């Protein structure tokens, strides 16, 4: 029996770990949180901070591994690459892992390769704010160079905004660096690309809708297929695959995020080297019939990828509506009762629904990815009808708050 190491074992990783065990693999899992859900279902569990690759290498030093991977956890990607290199296992390489997790390094490589992207400037100190704003202009987006989950992300309308938020953005970055990026208006899209043997295979391109207000960076609705069409759709696929290739990903799953502008252009916002969170693996499974977890496991083990595993089998329009509050179908407040999802799951077109809520937790207005407290996935003959179904079903979720 082959053994795989999961770096990160949270909610999203648990389902992937269970899938690995269904495929008759022995699972070792590491996470800094001793209560991580994935640790409870792994064959061997280790509590260790996966942001420290050396600590993970030491923790699993006596265990024979055949592969190493992560799901959803961007901060675990460098550790996965380092462990693979140290153990001589298949991996994306330490340099590529850095390029695909550090936004400043990523932007510079994309610029060198001629991949269209927003204007950007790196900042490490407040004294650099004038230069950065001159290079980027306003409106802009300020974010840590190497953090995820929409933590420390701010829309910038003035110099005062940079002065108010730069310290927080820098404090969240492990390397103490932030990036200011041009705010590009348009349709934001999530892409999924499989790279294998240097070839890039685009699987899905879906609209990523965001709420107004302070949570403007959170994807709260996904709609497949994307609403771009014609030449702009072709350009979106070209930019997605070009960016993946430029960042050096030869074998792996890539998560490029794009914006299609009203003028017909397409720019790359960023690109990750992992199965994304936010139910994107579920989107791919329901939309085109591809099991991303099995694909990632095969890549981690250095096994072949037959066409039936990577070529879309069908094209099913769908929508994912996340459960959020202000705006969203949930109410803010302390949760006192969570009802059954029976009505939600019985709604026409609903194929999957889940809540992450717990009695006693406080539901807050949406600002971070973690404020998404569940989801509803609905299918239909068109993406518009699928979104209508997902929206209607989400309003049937029974959550009572104080």
Protein backbone atom coordinates (compact mmCIF):
# COMPACT_ATOMS: atom_id res chain seq x y z
CA UNK A 1 0.00 0.00 0.00
CA UNK A 2 1.35 3.40 -1.01
CA UNK A 3 1.60 6.21 1.54
CA UNK A 4 0.82 9.86 0.84
CA UNK A 5 1.43 12.86 3.06
CA UNK A 6 -1.22 15.59 3.25
CA UNK A 7 0.25 18.91 4.35
CA UNK A 8 -2.71 20.66 5.96
CA UNK A 9 -5.71 18.76 7.30
CA UNK A 10 -8.58 21.20 7.67
CA UNK A 11 -12.17 20.97 6.50
CA UNK A 12 -11.39 20.93 2.78
CA UNK A 13 -8.51 18.50 3.23
CA UNK A 14 -10.65 16.04 5.20
CA UNK A 15 -12.77 15.18 2.18
CA UNK A 16 -9.64 14.76 0.07
CA UNK A 17 -8.11 12.49 2.72
CA UNK A 18 -11.27 10.38 2.75
CA UNK A 19 -11.07 10.15 -1.05
CA UNK A 20 -7.43 9.01 -0.83
CA UNK A 21 -8.43 6.24 1.57
CA UNK A 22 -11.21 5.18 -0.82
CA UNK A 23 -8.45 4.76 -3.41
CA UNK A 24 -6.65 2.38 -1.00
CA UNK A 25 -3.88 4.78 -0.01
CA UNK A 26 -2.35 5.08 3.46
CA UNK A 27 -2.61 8.70 4.63
CA UNK A 28 -0.26 10.68 6.84
CA UNK A 29 -1.54 14.16 7.67
CA UNK A 30 0.05 17.15 9.38
CA UNK A 31 -1.59 20.36 10.62
CA UNK A 32 -0.80 23.02 13.19
CA UNK A 33 -4.30 22.71 14.63
CA UNK A 34 -4.68 19.61 16.84
CA UNK A 35 -8.46 19.73 16.24
CA UNK A 36 -8.15 19.80 12.43
CA UNK A 37 -10.88 17.59 10.98
CA UNK A 38 -8.53 15.81 8.59
CA UNK A 39 -6.27 14.59 11.38
CA UNK A 40 -9.16 12.57 12.78
CA UNK A 41 -9.55 10.50 9.59
CA UNK A 42 -5.86 10.10 8.66
CA UNK A 43 -4.02 6.85 9.34
CA UNK A 44 -1.15 8.77 10.96
CA UNK A 45 -1.65 12.29 12.35
CA UNK A 46 1.06 14.76 13.35
CA UNK A 47 0.53 18.18 14.91
CA UNK A 48 3.12 20.46 13.34
CA UNK A 49 3.17 23.93 11.77
CA UNK A 50 3.29 23.29 8.03
CA UNK A 51 4.50 26.84 7.40
CA UNK A 52 7.85 25.46 8.62
CA UNK A 53 8.97 22.88 6.01
CA UNK A 54 11.90 21.71 8.16
CA UNK A 55 9.56 20.97 11.06
CA UNK A 56 7.33 18.87 8.80
CA UNK A 57 10.33 17.02 7.35
CA UNK A 58 11.51 16.19 10.87
CA UNK A 59 8.04 15.10 12.01
CA UNK A 60 7.68 12.54 9.20
CA UNK A 61 11.35 11.61 9.01
CA UNK A 62 10.81 7.94 9.96
CA UNK A 63 7.83 7.40 7.64
CA UNK A 64 8.32 6.06 4.12
CA UNK A 65 6.41 8.31 1.74
CA UNK A 66 5.41 7.73 -1.87
CA UNK A 67 3.91 11.16 -2.45
CA UNK A 68 3.16 14.51 -0.83
CA UNK A 69 0.43 17.06 -1.60
CA UNK A 70 -1.86 19.73 -0.23
CA UNK A 71 -5.42 20.76 -0.97
CA UNK A 72 -6.71 24.33 -0.60
CA UNK A 73 -3.89 25.55 1.68
CA UNK A 74 -1.76 28.01 -0.27
CA UNK A 75 0.68 28.45 2.62
CA UNK A 76 1.40 24.70 2.50
CA UNK A 77 2.55 24.73 -1.14
CA UNK A 78 6.21 25.69 -0.37
CA UNK A 79 6.38 22.98 2.31
CA UNK A 80 5.05 20.36 -0.11
CA UNK A 81 7.67 21.35 -2.70
CA UNK A 82 10.48 21.29 -0.12
CA UNK A 83 9.46 17.86 1.22
CA UNK A 84 9.18 16.44 -2.29
CA UNK A 85 12.65 17.76 -3.14
CA UNK A 86 14.16 16.45 0.10
CA UNK A 87 12.61 12.99 -0.34
CA UNK A 88 13.11 12.74 -4.11
CA UNK A 89 9.35 12.59 -4.73
CA UNK A 90 7.36 14.08 -7.63
CA UNK A 91 6.68 17.78 -7.07
CA UNK A 92 6.37 21.18 -8.71
CA UNK A 93 9.82 22.38 -7.59
CA UNK A 94 10.80 24.86 -4.91
CA UNK A 95 11.18 27.80 -7.33
CA UNK A 96 7.77 27.29 -8.92
CA UNK A 97 6.20 26.94 -5.47
CA UNK A 98 7.70 30.31 -4.50
CA UNK A 99 6.53 31.99 -7.71
CA UNK A 100 2.99 30.70 -7.23
CA UNK A 101 2.65 31.72 -3.57
CA UNK A 102 4.47 35.08 -3.46
CA UNK A 103 2.52 37.72 -5.38
CA UNK A 104 5.46 40.05 -6.01
CA UNK A 105 7.65 37.27 -7.41
CA UNK A 106 4.67 36.01 -9.42
CA UNK A 107 3.96 39.44 -10.93
CA UNK A 108 7.59 39.93 -11.94
CA UNK A 109 7.75 36.53 -13.67
CA UNK A 110 4.44 37.14 -15.47
CA UNK A 111 5.73 40.54 -16.59
CA UNK A 112 8.91 38.97 -17.96
CA UNK A 113 6.79 36.47 -19.92
CA UNK A 114 4.44 39.13 -21.31
CA UNK A 115 1.34 37.82 -19.54
CA UNK A 116 -1.23 40.67 -19.31
CA UNK A 117 -1.83 41.71 -15.71
CA UNK A 118 -2.69 44.75 -13.57
CA UNK A 119 -0.07 47.40 -12.82
CA UNK A 120 1.66 46.67 -9.51
CA UNK A 121 4.24 47.88 -7.01
CA UNK A 122 5.87 46.20 -4.01
CA UNK A 123 6.01 47.88 -0.59
CA UNK A 124 7.90 47.08 2.58
CA UNK A 125 7.70 50.45 4.36
CA UNK A 126 5.33 53.40 4.59
CA UNK A 127 7.98 55.61 2.97
CA UNK A 128 7.40 53.75 -0.32
CA UNK A 129 3.72 54.68 -0.52
CA UNK A 130 4.12 57.70 -2.83
CA UNK A 131 6.21 55.77 -5.34
CA UNK A 132 3.79 52.84 -5.29
CA UNK A 133 0.72 54.99 -5.79
CA UNK A 134 2.40 56.89 -8.64
CA UNK A 135 3.17 53.58 -10.39
CA UNK A 136 -0.25 51.99 -9.87
CA UNK A 137 -2.79 54.81 -9.64
CA UNK A 138 -6.22 54.66 -8.02
CA UNK A 139 -8.44 52.85 -7.42
CA UNK A 140 -6.11 50.06 -6.31
CA UNK A 141 -5.99 46.98 -4.11
CA UNK A 142 -3.53 46.56 -1.25
CA UNK A 143 -2.75 43.04 -0.01
CA UNK A 144 0.00 41.03 1.69
CA UNK A 145 2.47 39.55 -0.78
CA UNK A 146 2.12 36.03 0.59
CA UNK A 147 -1.12 35.42 2.46
CA UNK A 148 -4.56 34.13 1.53
CA UNK A 149 -8.18 34.02 2.61
CA UNK A 150 -8.64 37.73 1.77
CA UNK A 151 -6.80 38.63 4.99
CA UNK A 152 -5.31 42.11 4.91
CA UNK A 153 -6.92 43.00 1.56
CA UNK A 154 -8.13 46.59 1.15
CA UNK A 155 -9.50 48.73 -1.65
CA UNK A 156 -7.42 51.92 -1.93
CA UNK A 157 -8.94 55.22 -3.03
CA UNK A 158 -6.36 57.65 -1.64
CA UNK A 159 -2.98 58.02 0.01
CA UNK A 160 -4.78 58.14 3.36
CA UNK A 161 -6.09 54.60 2.72
CA UNK A 162 -2.56 53.27 2.24
CA UNK A 163 -1.42 54.97 5.44
CA UNK A 164 -4.37 53.48 7.32
CA UNK A 165 -4.00 49.89 6.10
CA UNK A 166 -0.38 49.21 5.10
CA UNK A 167 0.71 48.18 8.60
CA UNK A 168 -1.97 45.48 8.77
CA UNK A 169 -1.15 44.16 5.30
CA UNK A 170 2.57 43.99 6.16
CA UNK A 171 1.92 42.34 9.52
CA UNK A 172 0.02 39.48 7.88
CA UNK A 173 2.79 38.77 5.35
CA UNK A 174 5.33 36.18 6.60
CA UNK A 175 8.03 38.00 4.61
CA UNK A 176 6.91 41.50 5.63
CA UNK A 177 6.02 42.60 2.11
CA UNK A 178 2.84 43.99 0.55
CA UNK A 179 1.74 44.62 -3.01
CA UNK A 180 -0.36 47.42 -4.45
CA UNK A 181 -2.25 46.43 -7.59
CA UNK A 182 -4.36 48.32 -10.07
CA UNK A 183 -8.08 47.73 -9.48
CA UNK A 184 -9.39 46.38 -12.78
CA UNK A 185 -13.11 46.59 -13.49
CA UNK A 186 -14.70 43.65 -15.26
CA UNK A 187 -15.87 40.06 -14.91
CA UNK A 188 -13.70 38.12 -12.48
CA UNK A 189 -13.21 34.45 -13.31
CA UNK A 190 -11.76 31.32 -11.73
CA UNK A 191 -9.97 28.90 -14.01
CA UNK A 192 -8.85 25.34 -13.43
CA UNK A 193 -5.95 24.07 -15.53
CA UNK A 194 -4.23 20.68 -15.35
CA UNK A 195 -0.56 20.77 -16.34
CA UNK A 196 0.94 17.42 -17.28
CA UNK A 197 4.20 16.78 -19.09
CA UNK A 198 4.46 20.48 -19.91
CA UNK A 199 1.02 20.53 -21.56
CA UNK A 200 -1.74 22.74 -20.14
CA UNK A 201 -5.31 21.40 -20.22
CA UNK A 202 -8.00 23.99 -19.36
CA UNK A 203 -10.95 22.36 -17.57
CA UNK A 204 -13.32 25.09 -16.41
CA UNK A 205 -13.73 28.85 -16.46
CA UNK A 206 -16.39 30.24 -14.12
CA UNK A 207 -17.55 33.67 -13.01
CA UNK A 208 -16.46 34.66 -9.50
CA UNK A 209 -18.97 37.15 -8.13
CA UNK A 210 -18.07 39.34 -5.17
CA UNK A 211 -20.20 41.27 -2.66
CA UNK A 212 -20.14 45.06 -2.31
CA UNK A 213 -18.53 46.70 0.70
CA UNK A 214 -15.66 45.62 2.92
CA UNK A 215 -15.83 42.00 1.74
CA UNK A 216 -15.28 42.99 -1.89
CA UNK A 217 -12.49 40.42 -2.32
CA UNK A 218 -14.51 37.37 -1.20
CA UNK A 219 -15.96 35.09 -3.86
CA UNK A 220 -19.52 34.54 -2.64
CA UNK A 221 -21.05 33.13 -5.87
CA UNK A 222 -19.53 30.94 -8.59
CA UNK A 223 -21.33 30.54 -11.92
CA UNK A 224 -20.37 28.02 -14.61
CA UNK A 225 -19.86 28.43 -17.50
CA UNK A 226 -18.38 31.92 -17.43
CA UNK A 227 -20.42 34.65 -19.11
CA UNK A 228 -17.62 35.79 -21.43
CA UNK A 229 -17.88 34.52 -24.99
CA UNK A 230 -16.33 34.62 -28.44
CA UNK A 231 -12.88 36.13 -28.77
CA UNK A 232 -12.73 37.12 -25.09
CA UNK A 233 -13.41 33.53 -24.02
CA UNK A 234 -10.60 32.32 -26.27
CA UNK A 235 -8.31 35.03 -24.89
CA UNK A 236 -9.23 34.04 -21.33
CA UNK A 237 -8.15 30.44 -21.94
CA UNK A 238 -4.98 31.64 -23.67
CA UNK A 239 -4.01 33.94 -20.79
CA UNK A 240 -4.77 31.21 -18.23
CA UNK A 241 -2.58 28.58 -19.92
CA UNK A 242 0.15 31.12 -20.81
CA UNK A 243 0.38 32.22 -17.17
CA UNK A 244 0.57 28.65 -15.87
CA UNK A 245 3.38 27.86 -18.31
CA UNK A 246 5.25 31.10 -17.53
CA UNK A 247 5.27 30.26 -13.82
CA UNK A 248 6.93 26.91 -14.54
CA UNK A 249 4.17 24.48 -13.60
CA UNK A 250 4.79 21.37 -15.72
CA UNK A 251 2.86 18.82 -13.64
CA UNK A 252 0.15 19.96 -11.27
CA UNK A 253 -3.24 21.58 -10.85
CA UNK A 254 -3.32 25.35 -11.39
CA UNK A 255 -5.89 27.85 -10.22
CA UNK A 256 -5.57 31.00 -12.37
CA UNK A 257 -7.82 33.96 -11.57
CA UNK A 258 -8.61 36.37 -14.37
CA UNK A 259 -10.56 39.55 -15.10
CA UNK A 260 -12.25 40.14 -18.45
CA UNK A 261 -12.62 43.90 -19.01
CA UNK A 262 -15.55 45.59 -20.75
CA UNK A 263 -13.12 46.61 -23.50
CA UNK A 264 -12.40 43.01 -24.43
CA UNK A 265 -9.05 42.55 -22.69
CA UNK A 266 -8.16 39.81 -20.17
CA UNK A 267 -5.64 40.15 -17.31
CA UNK A 268 -4.33 37.60 -14.83
CA UNK A 269 -4.99 38.52 -11.20
CA UNK A 270 -2.95 35.64 -9.76
CA UNK A 271 -2.38 31.90 -10.10
CA UNK A 272 -2.10 29.19 -7.44
CA UNK A 273 -0.56 25.72 -7.70
CA UNK A 274 -3.12 23.64 -5.85
CA UNK A 275 -6.68 22.43 -5.80
CA UNK A 276 -8.50 25.56 -4.64
CA UNK A 277 -10.88 25.80 -1.73
CA UNK A 278 -14.28 27.43 -1.99
CA UNK A 279 -15.90 24.25 -3.39
CA UNK A 280 -14.01 24.62 -6.68
CA UNK A 281 -13.25 20.88 -6.71
CA UNK A 282 -17.01 20.29 -6.38
CA UNK A 283 -17.61 22.74 -9.22
CA UNK A 284 -15.28 20.82 -11.52
CA UNK A 285 -16.80 17.46 -10.54
CA UNK A 286 -20.40 18.58 -11.17
CA UNK A 287 -19.57 20.76 -14.20
CA UNK A 288 -17.29 18.51 -16.29
CA UNK A 289 -17.03 15.19 -14.40
CA UNK A 290 -13.36 15.44 -13.39
CA UNK A 291 -12.16 14.29 -9.94
CA UNK A 292 -9.40 16.79 -9.10
CA UNK A 293 -8.40 14.95 -5.93
CA UNK A 294 -7.69 11.73 -7.82
CA UNK A 295 -5.76 13.73 -10.43
CA UNK A 296 -3.66 15.41 -7.71
CA UNK A 297 -3.00 12.10 -5.97
CA UNK A 298 -1.79 10.52 -9.21
CA UNK A 299 0.48 13.48 -9.89
CA UNK A 300 1.89 13.30 -6.36
CA UNK A 301 2.63 9.60 -6.82
CA UNK A 302 4.19 10.13 -10.26
CA UNK A 303 1.55 7.97 -11.95
CA UNK A 304 0.21 8.37 -15.46
CA UNK A 305 -2.92 10.41 -16.19
CA UNK A 306 -5.17 8.63 -18.69
CA UNK A 307 -7.34 10.84 -20.89
CA UNK A 308 -10.53 9.82 -19.11
CA UNK A 309 -9.20 11.42 -15.91
CA UNK A 310 -8.34 14.82 -17.41
CA UNK A 311 -10.62 15.36 -20.40
CA UNK A 312 -14.04 16.91 -19.62
CA UNK A 313 -16.81 14.32 -19.94
CA UNK A 314 -19.75 16.75 -20.21
CA UNK A 315 -20.64 20.41 -19.67
CA UNK A 316 -23.24 21.04 -16.94
CA UNK A 317 -24.22 24.64 -16.08
CA UNK A 318 -24.26 25.25 -12.31
CA UNK A 319 -24.03 27.87 -9.59
CA UNK A 320 -22.59 27.85 -6.08
CA UNK A 321 -24.11 30.25 -3.55
CA UNK A 322 -22.12 30.63 -0.34
CA UNK A 323 -23.94 31.27 2.92
CA UNK A 324 -22.90 34.70 4.16
CA UNK A 325 -24.45 37.60 6.07
CA UNK A 326 -24.67 41.33 5.31
CA UNK A 327 -24.97 40.78 2.43
CA UNK A 328 -26.29 37.24 2.06
CA UNK A 329 -29.08 34.95 3.25
CA UNK A 330 -27.81 34.57 6.84
CA UNK A 331 -28.51 36.93 9.73
CA UNK A 332 -25.72 38.33 11.88
CA UNK A 333 -25.62 37.35 15.54
CA UNK A 334 -24.84 34.43 17.83
CA UNK A 335 -26.12 31.09 16.52
CA UNK A 336 -28.65 29.45 18.85
CA UNK A 337 -30.18 26.84 16.51
CA UNK A 338 -29.25 25.19 13.22
CA UNK A 339 -32.08 23.57 11.31
CA UNK A 340 -32.06 20.66 8.90
CA UNK A 341 -30.95 21.07 5.27
CA UNK A 342 -33.77 18.77 4.14
CA UNK A 343 -35.74 21.55 2.40
CA UNK A 344 -32.60 22.89 0.76
CA UNK A 345 -31.53 19.51 -0.63
CA UNK A 346 -35.07 18.84 -1.88
CA UNK A 347 -35.19 22.08 -3.87
CA UNK A 348 -35.21 21.55 -7.68
CA UNK A 349 -31.70 21.33 -9.12
CA UNK A 350 -29.81 21.29 -5.81
CA UNK A 351 -27.08 18.63 -5.93
CA UNK A 352 -25.06 19.52 -2.83
CA UNK A 353 -25.37 21.71 0.25
CA UNK A 354 -23.54 22.01 3.55
CA UNK A 355 -23.19 24.34 6.53
CA UNK A 356 -20.09 24.90 8.67
CA UNK A 357 -22.05 26.59 11.44
CA UNK A 358 -21.84 25.69 15.11
CA UNK A 359 -24.16 26.70 17.91
CA UNK A 360 -22.55 29.52 19.87
CA UNK A 361 -20.48 30.99 17.04
CA UNK A 362 -21.05 34.58 15.92
CA UNK A 363 -22.04 35.25 12.32
CA UNK A 364 -20.46 38.51 11.17
CA UNK A 365 -20.83 40.61 8.01
CA UNK A 366 -18.81 39.06 5.19
CA UNK A 367 -15.23 40.30 5.02
CA UNK A 368 -12.98 37.20 4.81
CA UNK A 369 -13.25 33.83 3.07
CA UNK A 370 -13.84 32.32 6.51
CA UNK A 371 -17.10 34.28 6.77
CA UNK A 372 -18.60 31.89 4.22
CA UNK A 373 -20.45 29.51 6.54
CA UNK A 374 -21.73 26.97 4.03
CA UNK A 375 -22.91 26.69 0.45
CA UNK A 376 -25.59 25.47 -1.95
CA UNK A 377 -24.78 24.01 -5.38
CA UNK A 378 -27.54 23.89 -8.01
CA UNK A 379 -27.58 22.74 -11.63
CA UNK A 380 -29.92 23.67 -14.49
CA UNK A 381 -30.10 23.94 -18.27
CA UNK A 382 -28.48 27.40 -18.12
CA UNK A 383 -26.15 29.12 -15.70
CA UNK A 384 -28.74 31.87 -15.13
CA UNK A 385 -31.38 29.36 -14.05
CA UNK A 386 -28.82 27.52 -11.89
CA UNK A 387 -28.03 30.75 -10.04
CA UNK A 388 -31.72 31.46 -9.49
CA UNK A 389 -32.13 27.99 -7.99
CA UNK A 390 -29.08 28.30 -5.76
CA UNK A 391 -30.23 31.73 -4.52
CA UNK A 392 -33.75 30.48 -3.78
CA UNK A 393 -32.52 27.33 -2.03
CA UNK A 394 -30.05 29.31 0.12
CA UNK A 395 -32.96 31.28 1.57
CA UNK A 396 -34.41 28.02 2.90
CA UNK A 397 -31.48 27.45 5.27
CA UNK A 398 -32.81 27.53 8.83
CA UNK A 399 -30.43 29.31 11.21
CA UNK A 400 -31.69 31.10 14.31
CA UNK A 401 -29.49 33.77 15.86
CA UNK A 402 -29.71 35.81 19.05
